[in-house]
Amino acid sequence: MPQSTPPEPPKIVFPCDYPIKVIGDAAPDYKDFVCRMILKHAPDFDGKAIVKDSRNGKYMSVNVTIRATGEDQLKALFEDLKASGRVSMVL
């Protein structure tokens, strides 16, 4: 029986609107922190964000959409967010 290869993920066509969810420990300045980090990599980011607290209030997610210009931009943004020490997960 021939083995099938898994399908490749769809290619992203840049520039495009790209949603990002950033999750970390809840803090009063967490949204502002995330927005500042995003502005470094996406200067045209409008600052609009949806913030949600976890059920127990320990974590906070910040959902944003940026105008992504390329894979290098996204990779650098994700690395900076993760290296900050305040971000648990980037989706």
N, C-alpha and C. Protein backbone atom coordinates (compact mmCIF):
# COMPACT_ATOMS: atom_id res chain seq x y z
N MET A 1 0.85 -1.18 0.00
CA MET A 1 0.00 0.00 0.00
C MET A 1 0.90 1.25 0.00
N PRO A 2 0.73 2.17 -0.96
CA PRO A 2 1.58 3.36 -1.01
C PRO A 2 1.28 4.31 0.14
N GLN A 3 2.35 4.90 0.66
CA GLN A 3 2.18 5.87 1.74
C GLN A 3 1.90 7.24 1.13
N SER A 4 0.97 7.94 1.73
CA SER A 4 0.69 9.29 1.25
C SER A 4 1.51 10.28 2.06
N THR A 5 1.98 11.30 1.39
CA THR A 5 2.74 12.33 2.10
C THR A 5 1.76 13.36 2.64
N PRO A 6 2.05 13.88 3.82
CA PRO A 6 1.14 14.88 4.39
C PRO A 6 1.11 16.12 3.50
N PRO A 7 -0.05 16.76 3.40
CA PRO A 7 -0.13 17.97 2.58
C PRO A 7 0.70 19.10 3.18
N GLU A 8 1.27 19.93 2.31
CA GLU A 8 2.05 21.07 2.78
C GLU A 8 1.11 22.14 3.28
N PRO A 9 1.52 22.88 4.34
CA PRO A 9 0.66 23.97 4.80
C PRO A 9 0.54 25.02 3.69
N PRO A 10 -0.58 25.73 3.68
CA PRO A 10 -0.76 26.73 2.63
C PRO A 10 0.29 27.83 2.74
N LYS A 11 0.74 28.31 1.60
CA LYS A 11 1.71 29.40 1.56
C LYS A 11 1.00 30.72 1.88
N ILE A 12 1.66 31.56 2.63
CA ILE A 12 1.11 32.87 2.95
C ILE A 12 1.57 33.83 1.86
N VAL A 13 0.63 34.59 1.32
CA VAL A 13 0.96 35.58 0.31
C VAL A 13 1.06 36.94 1.00
N PHE A 14 2.26 37.51 0.95
CA PHE A 14 2.50 38.80 1.59
C PHE A 14 2.39 39.93 0.58
N PRO A 15 2.02 41.12 1.00
CA PRO A 15 1.56 41.51 2.34
C PRO A 15 0.15 41.00 2.59
N CYS A 16 -0.17 40.81 3.86
CA CYS A 16 -1.50 40.32 4.23
C CYS A 16 -1.82 40.74 5.66
N ASP A 17 -3.10 40.73 6.00
CA ASP A 17 -3.52 40.92 7.39
C ASP A 17 -3.25 39.62 8.12
N TYR A 18 -2.56 39.69 9.26
CA TYR A 18 -2.11 38.51 9.96
C TYR A 18 -2.51 38.60 11.43
N PRO A 19 -3.42 37.71 11.87
CA PRO A 19 -3.84 37.75 13.28
C PRO A 19 -2.80 37.09 14.19
N ILE A 20 -2.59 37.67 15.35
CA ILE A 20 -1.63 37.15 16.33
C ILE A 20 -2.29 37.18 17.71
N LYS A 21 -2.10 36.10 18.45
CA LYS A 21 -2.55 36.04 19.85
C LYS A 21 -1.32 35.87 20.72
N VAL A 22 -1.17 36.77 21.70
CA VAL A 22 -0.02 36.76 22.59
C VAL A 22 -0.54 36.50 24.01
N ILE A 23 -0.05 35.43 24.63
CA ILE A 23 -0.53 35.02 25.95
C ILE A 23 0.61 35.12 26.96
N GLY A 24 0.29 35.69 28.12
CA GLY A 24 1.28 35.81 29.19
C GLY A 24 0.61 36.02 30.53
N ASP A 25 1.42 36.20 31.56
CA ASP A 25 0.88 36.44 32.90
C ASP A 25 0.13 37.77 32.91
N ALA A 26 -1.02 37.77 33.53
CA ALA A 26 -1.85 38.97 33.60
C ALA A 26 -1.13 40.06 34.38
N ALA A 27 -1.18 41.28 33.84
CA ALA A 27 -0.60 42.44 34.51
C ALA A 27 -1.29 43.68 33.94
N PRO A 28 -1.39 44.75 34.72
CA PRO A 28 -2.08 45.95 34.25
C PRO A 28 -1.48 46.53 32.96
N ASP A 29 -0.16 46.36 32.77
CA ASP A 29 0.49 46.94 31.60
C ASP A 29 0.73 45.94 30.47
N TYR A 30 0.16 44.73 30.56
CA TYR A 30 0.47 43.69 29.58
C TYR A 30 0.05 44.07 28.16
N LYS A 31 -1.13 44.62 28.00
CA LYS A 31 -1.59 45.01 26.66
C LYS A 31 -0.64 46.07 26.08
N ASP A 32 -0.31 47.09 26.85
CA ASP A 32 0.59 48.14 26.36
C ASP A 32 1.96 47.57 26.00
N PHE A 33 2.46 46.65 26.81
CA PHE A 33 3.73 46.00 26.54
C PHE A 33 3.69 45.28 25.20
N VAL A 34 2.65 44.47 24.98
CA VAL A 34 2.53 43.72 23.73
C VAL A 34 2.43 44.67 22.54
N CYS A 35 1.63 45.71 22.66
CA CYS A 35 1.46 46.67 21.56
C CYS A 35 2.77 47.37 21.23
N ARG A 36 3.56 47.72 22.25
CA ARG A 36 4.86 48.36 22.01
C ARG A 36 5.79 47.41 21.25
N MET A 37 5.79 46.15 21.64
CA MET A 37 6.64 45.15 20.97
C MET A 37 6.21 45.00 19.50
N ILE A 38 4.93 44.98 19.27
CA ILE A 38 4.43 44.81 17.90
C ILE A 38 4.77 46.03 17.05
N LEU A 39 4.66 47.22 17.62
CA LEU A 39 4.98 48.44 16.87
C LEU A 39 6.43 48.48 16.38
N LYS A 40 7.34 47.83 17.11
CA LYS A 40 8.74 47.77 16.67
C LYS A 40 8.86 47.07 15.31
N HIS A 41 8.01 46.08 15.08
CA HIS A 41 8.11 45.26 13.88
C HIS A 41 7.05 45.59 12.83
N ALA A 42 6.00 46.24 13.26
CA ALA A 42 4.90 46.61 12.35
C ALA A 42 4.53 48.07 12.64
N PRO A 43 5.32 49.03 12.13
CA PRO A 43 5.11 50.43 12.48
C PRO A 43 3.74 50.98 12.11
N ASP A 44 3.05 50.33 11.20
CA ASP A 44 1.71 50.80 10.81
C ASP A 44 0.61 50.17 11.65
N PHE A 45 0.98 49.40 12.68
CA PHE A 45 -0.01 48.77 13.57
C PHE A 45 -0.86 49.86 14.22
N ASP A 46 -2.18 49.70 14.18
CA ASP A 46 -3.10 50.73 14.66
C ASP A 46 -3.36 50.70 16.16
N GLY A 47 -2.80 49.74 16.88
CA GLY A 47 -2.97 49.68 18.33
C GLY A 47 -4.24 49.02 18.80
N LYS A 48 -5.10 48.61 17.87
CA LYS A 48 -6.35 47.94 18.28
C LYS A 48 -6.02 46.53 18.75
N ALA A 49 -6.56 46.20 19.92
CA ALA A 49 -6.30 44.89 20.49
C ALA A 49 -7.51 44.45 21.30
N ILE A 50 -7.74 43.15 21.28
CA ILE A 50 -8.79 42.56 22.12
C ILE A 50 -8.08 41.83 23.25
N VAL A 51 -8.42 42.19 24.47
CA VAL A 51 -7.77 41.61 25.64
C VAL A 51 -8.76 40.73 26.38
N LYS A 52 -8.31 39.53 26.72
CA LYS A 52 -9.15 38.61 27.49
C LYS A 52 -8.35 38.05 28.64
N ASP A 53 -8.98 37.97 29.80
CA ASP A 53 -8.36 37.33 30.96
C ASP A 53 -8.76 35.87 30.98
N SER A 54 -7.87 35.03 31.51
CA SER A 54 -8.21 33.63 31.67
C SER A 54 -9.29 33.48 32.74
N ARG A 55 -9.87 32.33 32.82
CA ARG A 55 -10.96 32.09 33.76
C ARG A 55 -10.56 32.40 35.19
N ASN A 56 -9.33 32.03 35.57
CA ASN A 56 -8.89 32.27 36.95
C ASN A 56 -8.14 33.59 37.10
N GLY A 57 -7.96 34.34 35.99
CA GLY A 57 -7.32 35.65 36.07
C GLY A 57 -5.80 35.62 36.11
N LYS A 58 -5.21 34.43 35.99
CA LYS A 58 -3.75 34.33 36.04
C LYS A 58 -3.11 34.77 34.72
N TYR A 59 -3.75 34.48 33.61
CA TYR A 59 -3.19 34.78 32.29
C TYR A 59 -4.04 35.81 31.55
N MET A 60 -3.43 36.42 30.55
CA MET A 60 -4.11 37.41 29.73
C MET A 60 -3.70 37.14 28.28
N SER A 61 -4.67 37.24 27.37
CA SER A 61 -4.34 37.13 25.95
C SER A 61 -4.63 38.46 25.28
N VAL A 62 -3.75 38.83 24.37
CA VAL A 62 -3.91 40.05 23.59
C VAL A 62 -3.97 39.61 22.12
N ASN A 63 -5.11 39.89 21.49
CA ASN A 63 -5.31 39.52 20.09
C ASN A 63 -5.21 40.77 19.24
N VAL A 64 -4.34 40.71 18.23
CA VAL A 64 -4.14 41.83 17.32
C VAL A 64 -4.09 41.32 15.88
N THR A 65 -4.23 42.23 14.96
CA THR A 65 -4.02 41.92 13.55
C THR A 65 -3.05 42.96 13.00
N ILE A 66 -1.97 42.46 12.37
CA ILE A 66 -1.00 43.36 11.77
C ILE A 66 -1.01 43.18 10.26
N ARG A 67 -0.42 44.14 9.58
CA ARG A 67 -0.20 44.01 8.13
C ARG A 67 1.19 43.41 7.99
N ALA A 68 1.24 42.10 7.75
CA ALA A 68 2.51 41.39 7.66
C ALA A 68 3.13 41.60 6.28
N THR A 69 4.43 41.87 6.28
CA THR A 69 5.12 42.15 5.02
C THR A 69 6.01 41.00 4.56
N GLY A 70 6.30 40.05 5.45
CA GLY A 70 7.13 38.92 5.06
C GLY A 70 7.43 37.99 6.22
N GLU A 71 7.99 36.84 5.88
CA GLU A 71 8.30 35.84 6.90
C GLU A 71 9.36 36.34 7.88
N ASP A 72 10.33 37.11 7.37
CA ASP A 72 11.39 37.63 8.26
C ASP A 72 10.80 38.54 9.33
N GLN A 73 9.84 39.37 8.96
CA GLN A 73 9.18 40.26 9.92
C GLN A 73 8.48 39.43 11.01
N LEU A 74 7.71 38.43 10.61
CA LEU A 74 6.98 37.61 11.57
C LEU A 74 7.93 36.84 12.48
N LYS A 75 8.98 36.29 11.91
CA LYS A 75 9.95 35.53 12.70
C LYS A 75 10.60 36.43 13.76
N ALA A 76 11.02 37.62 13.36
CA ALA A 76 11.67 38.56 14.30
C ALA A 76 10.69 38.98 15.39
N LEU A 77 9.44 39.25 15.02
CA LEU A 77 8.43 39.64 16.01
C LEU A 77 8.21 38.52 17.01
N PHE A 78 8.00 37.29 16.53
CA PHE A 78 7.76 36.16 17.42
C PHE A 78 8.96 35.94 18.35
N GLU A 79 10.18 36.05 17.81
CA GLU A 79 11.37 35.84 18.64
C GLU A 79 11.49 36.91 19.72
N ASP A 80 11.23 38.17 19.36
CA ASP A 80 11.30 39.24 20.37
C ASP A 80 10.25 39.05 21.46
N LEU A 81 9.04 38.68 21.08
CA LEU A 81 7.99 38.46 22.07
C LEU A 81 8.38 37.33 23.02
N LYS A 82 8.85 36.23 22.48
CA LYS A 82 9.22 35.08 23.32
C LYS A 82 10.42 35.39 24.21
N ALA A 83 11.38 36.18 23.68
CA ALA A 83 12.60 36.51 24.43
C ALA A 83 12.35 37.51 25.54
N SER A 84 11.19 38.17 25.53
CA SER A 84 10.90 39.22 26.51
C SER A 84 10.80 38.69 27.94
N GLY A 85 10.50 37.43 28.09
CA GLY A 85 10.31 36.86 29.42
C GLY A 85 8.91 37.07 29.97
N ARG A 86 8.08 37.84 29.27
CA ARG A 86 6.72 38.10 29.74
C ARG A 86 5.68 37.33 28.94
N VAL A 87 6.09 36.71 27.86
CA VAL A 87 5.16 36.03 26.96
C VAL A 87 5.32 34.52 27.10
N SER A 88 4.19 33.86 27.36
CA SER A 88 4.20 32.41 27.50
C SER A 88 4.01 31.71 26.16
N MET A 89 3.19 32.32 25.29
CA MET A 89 2.86 31.66 24.04
C MET A 89 2.46 32.70 23.00
N VAL A 90 2.85 32.45 21.73
CA VAL A 90 2.44 33.29 20.61
C VAL A 90 1.79 32.38 19.60
N LEU A 91 0.57 32.71 19.23
CA LEU A 91 -0.16 31.91 18.24
C LEU A 91 -0.51 32.77 17.05
